[in-house]
N, C-alpha and C. Protein backbone atom coordinates (compact mmCIF):
# COMPACT_ATOMS: atom_id res chain seq x y z
N MET A 1 33.81 83.89 33.82
CA MET A 1 34.97 83.10 33.44
C MET A 1 34.49 81.95 32.56
N HIS A 2 35.22 81.69 31.48
CA HIS A 2 34.81 80.61 30.57
C HIS A 2 35.59 79.34 30.88
N ASP A 3 34.99 78.24 30.45
CA ASP A 3 35.62 76.93 30.69
C ASP A 3 36.83 76.76 29.79
N GLU A 4 37.94 76.37 30.36
CA GLU A 4 39.15 76.05 29.60
C GLU A 4 39.14 74.55 29.30
N PRO A 5 39.42 74.17 28.07
CA PRO A 5 39.45 72.73 27.77
C PRO A 5 40.59 72.05 28.51
N GLU A 6 40.36 70.82 28.89
CA GLU A 6 41.35 70.01 29.58
C GLU A 6 42.36 69.46 28.57
N LEU A 7 43.63 69.55 28.88
CA LEU A 7 44.70 69.00 28.04
C LEU A 7 44.94 67.55 28.46
N LEU A 8 44.79 66.62 27.50
CA LEU A 8 44.94 65.20 27.79
C LEU A 8 46.06 64.60 26.95
N PHE A 9 46.83 63.72 27.53
CA PHE A 9 47.88 62.99 26.82
C PHE A 9 47.29 61.67 26.37
N GLU A 10 47.27 61.44 25.05
CA GLU A 10 46.75 60.20 24.47
C GLU A 10 47.77 59.66 23.47
N PRO A 11 48.78 58.89 23.92
CA PRO A 11 49.81 58.43 22.99
C PRO A 11 49.27 57.45 21.94
N PHE A 12 48.17 56.78 22.24
CA PHE A 12 47.56 55.84 21.30
C PHE A 12 46.08 56.19 21.16
N PRO A 13 45.77 57.28 20.45
CA PRO A 13 44.37 57.70 20.35
C PRO A 13 43.54 56.68 19.58
N SER A 14 42.27 56.65 19.89
CA SER A 14 41.34 55.76 19.19
C SER A 14 41.26 56.18 17.72
N ASP A 15 40.77 55.27 16.89
CA ASP A 15 40.58 55.60 15.48
C ASP A 15 39.65 56.80 15.32
N ASP A 16 38.61 56.88 16.15
CA ASP A 16 37.69 58.00 16.08
C ASP A 16 38.36 59.32 16.42
N LEU A 17 39.20 59.32 17.45
CA LEU A 17 39.89 60.55 17.84
C LEU A 17 40.90 60.97 16.78
N ARG A 18 41.63 60.02 16.24
CA ARG A 18 42.59 60.30 15.17
C ARG A 18 41.85 60.88 13.95
N ARG A 19 40.74 60.24 13.59
CA ARG A 19 39.95 60.69 12.44
C ARG A 19 39.39 62.10 12.69
N PHE A 20 38.99 62.41 13.92
CA PHE A 20 38.49 63.73 14.28
C PHE A 20 39.53 64.81 13.95
N VAL A 21 40.77 64.59 14.37
CA VAL A 21 41.82 65.58 14.11
C VAL A 21 42.13 65.64 12.61
N GLU A 22 42.29 64.49 11.97
CA GLU A 22 42.59 64.46 10.54
C GLU A 22 41.51 65.16 9.73
N ASP A 23 40.23 64.88 10.05
CA ASP A 23 39.13 65.50 9.31
C ASP A 23 39.11 67.01 9.48
N ASN A 24 39.38 67.49 10.69
CA ASN A 24 39.37 68.93 10.92
C ASN A 24 40.55 69.63 10.26
N VAL A 25 41.73 69.00 10.28
CA VAL A 25 42.87 69.59 9.56
C VAL A 25 42.59 69.60 8.06
N SER A 26 42.05 68.51 7.55
CA SER A 26 41.73 68.43 6.12
C SER A 26 40.70 69.49 5.72
N THR A 27 39.65 69.63 6.50
CA THR A 27 38.61 70.62 6.20
C THR A 27 39.20 72.02 6.19
N PHE A 28 40.00 72.35 7.19
CA PHE A 28 40.65 73.66 7.26
C PHE A 28 41.54 73.90 6.04
N THR A 29 42.37 72.89 5.72
CA THR A 29 43.32 73.03 4.61
C THR A 29 42.60 73.18 3.28
N MET A 30 41.55 72.40 3.08
CA MET A 30 40.80 72.50 1.83
C MET A 30 40.12 73.86 1.71
N ALA A 31 39.56 74.35 2.80
CA ALA A 31 38.92 75.68 2.77
C ALA A 31 39.95 76.77 2.50
N MET A 32 41.13 76.64 3.10
CA MET A 32 42.17 77.65 2.92
C MET A 32 42.69 77.67 1.49
N THR A 33 42.89 76.50 0.89
CA THR A 33 43.52 76.41 -0.43
C THR A 33 42.52 76.36 -1.57
N GLY A 34 41.29 75.97 -1.30
CA GLY A 34 40.31 75.79 -2.35
C GLY A 34 40.47 74.47 -3.10
N ALA A 35 41.47 73.67 -2.74
CA ALA A 35 41.69 72.36 -3.36
C ALA A 35 40.83 71.34 -2.62
N LEU A 36 39.78 70.87 -3.30
CA LEU A 36 38.80 69.99 -2.66
C LEU A 36 38.86 68.57 -3.17
N ASP A 37 39.92 68.22 -3.89
CA ASP A 37 39.99 66.96 -4.63
C ASP A 37 40.60 65.80 -3.84
N TYR A 38 40.38 65.73 -2.55
CA TYR A 38 40.97 64.69 -1.71
C TYR A 38 40.41 63.31 -2.06
N GLN A 39 41.30 62.36 -2.25
CA GLN A 39 40.92 60.98 -2.54
C GLN A 39 41.87 60.05 -1.80
N PRO A 40 41.38 59.24 -0.85
CA PRO A 40 42.27 58.31 -0.15
C PRO A 40 42.77 57.21 -1.09
N VAL A 41 43.96 56.72 -0.80
CA VAL A 41 44.58 55.64 -1.57
C VAL A 41 44.91 54.51 -0.61
N GLY A 42 44.54 53.30 -0.97
CA GLY A 42 44.86 52.14 -0.13
C GLY A 42 44.87 50.87 -0.95
N TYR A 43 46.06 50.32 -1.13
CA TYR A 43 46.23 49.03 -1.81
C TYR A 43 46.96 48.11 -0.85
N PHE A 44 46.55 46.84 -0.84
CA PHE A 44 47.08 45.90 0.14
C PHE A 44 47.38 44.55 -0.49
N LEU A 45 48.28 43.81 0.12
CA LEU A 45 48.62 42.46 -0.30
C LEU A 45 48.12 41.49 0.76
N ARG A 46 47.41 40.46 0.31
CA ARG A 46 46.90 39.46 1.24
C ARG A 46 47.21 38.08 0.69
N GLN A 47 47.74 37.22 1.55
CA GLN A 47 48.01 35.83 1.19
C GLN A 47 46.69 35.07 1.04
N GLU A 48 46.77 33.94 0.40
CA GLU A 48 45.58 33.10 0.19
C GLU A 48 44.89 32.75 1.50
N ARG A 49 45.66 32.55 2.57
CA ARG A 49 45.10 32.21 3.88
C ARG A 49 44.49 33.42 4.60
N GLY A 50 44.59 34.60 4.00
CA GLY A 50 44.01 35.80 4.60
C GLY A 50 44.99 36.67 5.35
N GLU A 51 46.26 36.28 5.40
CA GLU A 51 47.28 37.05 6.12
C GLU A 51 47.65 38.29 5.31
N TRP A 52 47.63 39.47 5.97
CA TRP A 52 48.05 40.72 5.33
C TRP A 52 49.57 40.78 5.31
N VAL A 53 50.14 41.02 4.13
CA VAL A 53 51.61 40.97 3.99
C VAL A 53 52.18 42.22 3.33
N GLY A 54 51.36 43.22 3.09
CA GLY A 54 51.88 44.45 2.52
C GLY A 54 50.79 45.47 2.30
N GLY A 55 51.21 46.71 2.11
CA GLY A 55 50.24 47.75 1.85
C GLY A 55 50.88 49.06 1.44
N CYS A 56 50.09 49.85 0.75
CA CYS A 56 50.48 51.19 0.33
C CYS A 56 49.29 52.10 0.61
N MET A 57 49.51 53.11 1.44
CA MET A 57 48.44 54.04 1.80
C MET A 57 48.90 55.47 1.61
N GLY A 58 47.97 56.31 1.28
CA GLY A 58 48.24 57.72 1.11
C GLY A 58 46.99 58.42 0.63
N HIS A 59 47.18 59.46 -0.17
CA HIS A 59 46.03 60.19 -0.69
C HIS A 59 46.43 61.00 -1.92
N VAL A 60 45.43 61.33 -2.71
CA VAL A 60 45.59 62.25 -3.82
C VAL A 60 44.93 63.55 -3.39
N TRP A 61 45.66 64.63 -3.53
CA TRP A 61 45.13 65.95 -3.17
C TRP A 61 45.95 67.01 -3.88
N ALA A 62 45.29 68.00 -4.42
CA ALA A 62 45.92 69.16 -5.05
C ALA A 62 46.88 68.74 -6.16
N ASN A 63 46.44 67.81 -6.99
CA ASN A 63 47.22 67.31 -8.13
C ASN A 63 48.48 66.56 -7.72
N TYR A 64 48.53 66.06 -6.49
CA TYR A 64 49.65 65.24 -6.02
C TYR A 64 49.15 63.94 -5.42
N LEU A 65 49.91 62.89 -5.65
CA LEU A 65 49.74 61.66 -4.90
C LEU A 65 50.76 61.71 -3.78
N HIS A 66 50.31 61.59 -2.55
CA HIS A 66 51.24 61.51 -1.43
C HIS A 66 51.20 60.10 -0.89
N VAL A 67 52.32 59.40 -1.00
CA VAL A 67 52.45 58.05 -0.45
C VAL A 67 52.91 58.20 1.00
N GLN A 68 52.01 57.86 1.92
CA GLN A 68 52.33 58.00 3.34
C GLN A 68 53.01 56.76 3.89
N TRP A 69 52.55 55.59 3.45
CA TRP A 69 53.10 54.34 3.96
C TRP A 69 53.22 53.33 2.82
N LEU A 70 54.34 52.64 2.75
CA LEU A 70 54.52 51.52 1.82
C LEU A 70 55.33 50.47 2.56
N TRP A 71 54.76 49.27 2.68
CA TRP A 71 55.43 48.22 3.44
C TRP A 71 55.11 46.87 2.82
N VAL A 72 56.13 46.01 2.77
CA VAL A 72 55.99 44.62 2.33
C VAL A 72 56.70 43.75 3.37
N ALA A 73 56.08 42.65 3.75
CA ALA A 73 56.68 41.72 4.72
C ALA A 73 58.08 41.33 4.26
N ALA A 74 58.99 41.23 5.21
CA ALA A 74 60.40 40.93 4.89
C ALA A 74 60.54 39.68 4.03
N SER A 75 59.73 38.67 4.28
CA SER A 75 59.85 37.41 3.53
C SER A 75 59.45 37.55 2.06
N LEU A 76 58.79 38.64 1.70
CA LEU A 76 58.33 38.85 0.32
C LEU A 76 59.07 39.97 -0.41
N ARG A 77 60.00 40.62 0.27
CA ARG A 77 60.71 41.74 -0.36
C ARG A 77 61.63 41.24 -1.47
N GLY A 78 61.86 42.12 -2.45
CA GLY A 78 62.74 41.79 -3.57
C GLY A 78 62.08 40.94 -4.63
N ARG A 79 60.76 40.80 -4.56
CA ARG A 79 60.04 39.96 -5.52
C ARG A 79 59.02 40.77 -6.34
N GLY A 80 59.12 42.09 -6.30
CA GLY A 80 58.27 42.94 -7.13
C GLY A 80 56.97 43.39 -6.49
N HIS A 81 56.73 43.00 -5.24
CA HIS A 81 55.47 43.36 -4.61
C HIS A 81 55.38 44.85 -4.27
N GLY A 82 56.49 45.43 -3.83
CA GLY A 82 56.51 46.87 -3.57
C GLY A 82 56.27 47.66 -4.85
N THR A 83 56.85 47.19 -5.93
CA THR A 83 56.65 47.83 -7.24
C THR A 83 55.18 47.74 -7.63
N ARG A 84 54.54 46.59 -7.41
CA ARG A 84 53.11 46.44 -7.72
C ARG A 84 52.26 47.41 -6.91
N LEU A 85 52.54 47.50 -5.62
CA LEU A 85 51.77 48.40 -4.76
C LEU A 85 51.94 49.86 -5.19
N LEU A 86 53.20 50.26 -5.40
CA LEU A 86 53.46 51.65 -5.78
C LEU A 86 52.86 51.96 -7.15
N ALA A 87 52.99 51.05 -8.10
CA ALA A 87 52.42 51.27 -9.44
C ALA A 87 50.91 51.41 -9.37
N ALA A 88 50.24 50.60 -8.56
CA ALA A 88 48.78 50.71 -8.42
C ALA A 88 48.40 52.08 -7.85
N ALA A 89 49.13 52.54 -6.83
CA ALA A 89 48.85 53.85 -6.24
C ALA A 89 49.11 54.96 -7.25
N GLU A 90 50.20 54.86 -8.00
CA GLU A 90 50.52 55.89 -8.99
C GLU A 90 49.49 55.92 -10.11
N THR A 91 49.03 54.76 -10.55
CA THR A 91 48.00 54.71 -11.59
C THR A 91 46.71 55.35 -11.09
N MET A 92 46.32 54.98 -9.87
CA MET A 92 45.12 55.57 -9.29
C MET A 92 45.28 57.07 -9.13
N GLY A 93 46.46 57.52 -8.70
CA GLY A 93 46.71 58.95 -8.56
C GLY A 93 46.58 59.67 -9.88
N ALA A 94 47.21 59.15 -10.92
CA ALA A 94 47.14 59.77 -12.24
C ALA A 94 45.70 59.80 -12.75
N GLU A 95 44.96 58.72 -12.53
CA GLU A 95 43.55 58.67 -12.96
C GLU A 95 42.69 59.68 -12.22
N ASN A 96 43.15 60.13 -11.05
CA ASN A 96 42.43 61.11 -10.25
C ASN A 96 43.06 62.49 -10.31
N GLY A 97 43.86 62.75 -11.35
CA GLY A 97 44.37 64.09 -11.60
C GLY A 97 45.73 64.43 -11.04
N ALA A 98 46.40 63.48 -10.41
CA ALA A 98 47.73 63.77 -9.85
C ALA A 98 48.76 63.82 -10.97
N ALA A 99 49.52 64.89 -11.01
CA ALA A 99 50.60 65.05 -11.98
C ALA A 99 51.94 64.61 -11.40
N ARG A 100 52.03 64.61 -10.06
CA ARG A 100 53.27 64.24 -9.40
C ARG A 100 52.95 63.40 -8.17
N ALA A 101 53.95 62.65 -7.74
CA ALA A 101 53.86 61.89 -6.49
C ALA A 101 54.94 62.39 -5.55
N THR A 102 54.71 62.26 -4.27
CA THR A 102 55.69 62.64 -3.27
C THR A 102 55.66 61.63 -2.13
N LEU A 103 56.79 61.44 -1.49
CA LEU A 103 56.91 60.56 -0.33
C LEU A 103 58.20 60.89 0.39
N ASP A 104 58.37 60.32 1.57
CA ASP A 104 59.62 60.51 2.30
C ASP A 104 60.00 59.22 3.02
N THR A 105 61.30 59.08 3.28
CA THR A 105 61.81 57.90 3.98
C THR A 105 63.17 58.22 4.58
N PHE A 106 63.51 57.51 5.63
CA PHE A 106 64.88 57.58 6.16
C PHE A 106 65.59 56.25 5.94
N ASN A 107 64.90 55.28 5.39
CA ASN A 107 65.44 53.95 5.15
C ASN A 107 66.26 53.96 3.85
N PRO A 108 67.58 53.72 3.92
CA PRO A 108 68.41 53.74 2.71
C PRO A 108 67.96 52.73 1.65
N ALA A 109 67.47 51.56 2.06
CA ALA A 109 66.99 50.57 1.10
C ALA A 109 65.72 51.06 0.42
N ALA A 110 64.85 51.70 1.17
CA ALA A 110 63.62 52.25 0.58
C ALA A 110 63.97 53.39 -0.38
N LYS A 111 64.92 54.22 -0.01
CA LYS A 111 65.35 55.30 -0.90
C LYS A 111 65.84 54.72 -2.22
N ALA A 112 66.67 53.69 -2.16
CA ALA A 112 67.19 53.05 -3.38
C ALA A 112 66.04 52.47 -4.20
N PHE A 113 65.06 51.86 -3.53
CA PHE A 113 63.89 51.31 -4.22
C PHE A 113 63.14 52.42 -4.96
N TYR A 114 62.87 53.53 -4.27
CA TYR A 114 62.13 54.63 -4.89
C TYR A 114 62.90 55.25 -6.05
N LEU A 115 64.21 55.34 -5.92
CA LEU A 115 65.02 55.86 -7.04
C LEU A 115 64.90 54.94 -8.24
N ARG A 116 64.91 53.63 -8.02
CA ARG A 116 64.73 52.67 -9.12
C ARG A 116 63.35 52.80 -9.77
N GLN A 117 62.39 53.28 -9.02
CA GLN A 117 61.03 53.45 -9.54
C GLN A 117 60.85 54.77 -10.29
N GLY A 118 61.93 55.55 -10.40
CA GLY A 118 61.86 56.80 -11.14
C GLY A 118 61.70 58.05 -10.31
N SER A 119 61.73 57.91 -8.99
CA SER A 119 61.65 59.09 -8.13
C SER A 119 63.00 59.78 -8.07
N GLU A 120 62.97 61.02 -7.63
CA GLU A 120 64.21 61.77 -7.42
C GLU A 120 64.14 62.47 -6.07
N VAL A 121 65.29 62.61 -5.44
CA VAL A 121 65.37 63.28 -4.14
C VAL A 121 65.34 64.79 -4.38
N PHE A 122 64.43 65.49 -3.70
CA PHE A 122 64.39 66.95 -3.81
C PHE A 122 64.76 67.64 -2.50
N GLY A 123 64.95 66.86 -1.45
CA GLY A 123 65.37 67.44 -0.19
C GLY A 123 65.86 66.37 0.77
N THR A 124 66.74 66.78 1.67
CA THR A 124 67.30 65.86 2.66
C THR A 124 67.36 66.57 4.01
N LEU A 125 66.91 65.90 5.05
CA LEU A 125 67.02 66.39 6.41
C LEU A 125 68.05 65.52 7.11
N PRO A 126 69.29 66.03 7.28
CA PRO A 126 70.35 65.20 7.86
C PRO A 126 70.12 64.89 9.34
N ASP A 127 70.62 63.73 9.73
CA ASP A 127 70.61 63.29 11.12
C ASP A 127 69.21 63.19 11.71
N TYR A 128 68.25 62.74 10.87
CA TYR A 128 66.89 62.51 11.35
C TYR A 128 66.41 61.17 10.86
N PRO A 129 66.27 60.19 11.73
CA PRO A 129 66.70 60.22 13.13
C PRO A 129 68.22 60.16 13.23
N PRO A 130 68.78 60.38 14.41
CA PRO A 130 70.23 60.40 14.53
C PRO A 130 70.88 59.19 13.87
N GLY A 131 71.89 59.47 13.05
CA GLY A 131 72.59 58.42 12.33
C GLY A 131 72.02 58.16 10.95
N TYR A 132 70.90 58.79 10.63
CA TYR A 132 70.23 58.62 9.34
C TYR A 132 69.94 60.00 8.74
N SER A 133 69.42 60.00 7.55
CA SER A 133 68.89 61.21 6.94
C SER A 133 67.50 60.89 6.43
N LYS A 134 66.62 61.88 6.50
CA LYS A 134 65.28 61.72 5.94
C LYS A 134 65.31 62.30 4.53
N PHE A 135 64.88 61.49 3.56
CA PHE A 135 64.89 61.89 2.16
C PHE A 135 63.48 62.19 1.70
N PHE A 136 63.30 63.29 0.99
CA PHE A 136 62.03 63.68 0.42
C PHE A 136 62.15 63.46 -1.09
N LEU A 137 61.23 62.67 -1.63
CA LEU A 137 61.31 62.29 -3.04
C LEU A 137 60.05 62.71 -3.79
N THR A 138 60.19 62.87 -5.10
CA THR A 138 59.07 63.20 -5.96
C THR A 138 59.23 62.49 -7.29
N LYS A 139 58.14 62.39 -8.00
CA LYS A 139 58.14 61.71 -9.30
C LYS A 139 57.02 62.30 -10.14
N THR A 140 57.27 62.48 -11.42
CA THR A 140 56.23 62.91 -12.34
C THR A 140 55.39 61.71 -12.75
N LEU A 141 54.08 61.86 -12.71
CA LEU A 141 53.17 60.79 -13.10
C LEU A 141 52.62 61.10 -14.48
N VAL A 142 52.35 60.06 -15.23
CA VAL A 142 51.76 60.20 -16.55
C VAL A 142 50.49 59.37 -16.56
N GLY A 143 49.40 60.01 -16.93
CA GLY A 143 48.14 59.29 -17.00
C GLY A 143 47.10 60.08 -17.74
N PRO A 144 45.96 59.46 -18.03
CA PRO A 144 44.95 60.11 -18.83
C PRO A 144 44.35 61.36 -18.20
N ASN A 145 44.33 61.43 -16.87
CA ASN A 145 43.73 62.57 -16.20
C ASN A 145 44.73 63.41 -15.42
N SER A 146 46.03 63.16 -15.61
CA SER A 146 47.04 63.92 -14.88
C SER A 146 46.97 65.38 -15.28
N ALA A 147 46.89 66.21 -14.29
CA ALA A 147 46.85 67.65 -14.54
C ALA A 147 48.30 68.16 -14.64
N PRO A 148 48.55 69.15 -15.47
CA PRO A 148 49.92 69.70 -15.54
C PRO A 148 50.28 70.38 -14.23
N THR A 149 51.56 70.29 -13.86
CA THR A 149 52.00 70.96 -12.63
C THR A 149 52.02 72.45 -12.89
N ARG A 150 51.80 73.19 -11.82
CA ARG A 150 51.76 74.65 -11.93
C ARG A 150 53.12 75.23 -11.70
């Protein structure tokens, strides 16, 4: 009889455990697709006193920039900081071969922001979470190293 692995519930896994799963999924996906061009993206806003007040994180992979998180402190919203963060990520993505960007949100204000930035909705998941819809957006990037979409 062989040992069965123990199933553990970890609602707040350590950074190492999270990275373990992410790295293994990434390795599998890259091997399956042959797309090995993964590049993490991380731009942040910091006040003079050292306080973090915004950030944009995601990755470039398979000729796409995927924006996973974009956040600006409420006190700084509407002053162009989200645009700065997104533009930096898009420039970095284009410089690393991304021809398109993708992201998702259920926040109606964020959707309006992304539409103003030139994104378009390509899909909607209604009532997720209940009372909202999740919007999937994309945008064509232009840059010196942007690869044409297939």
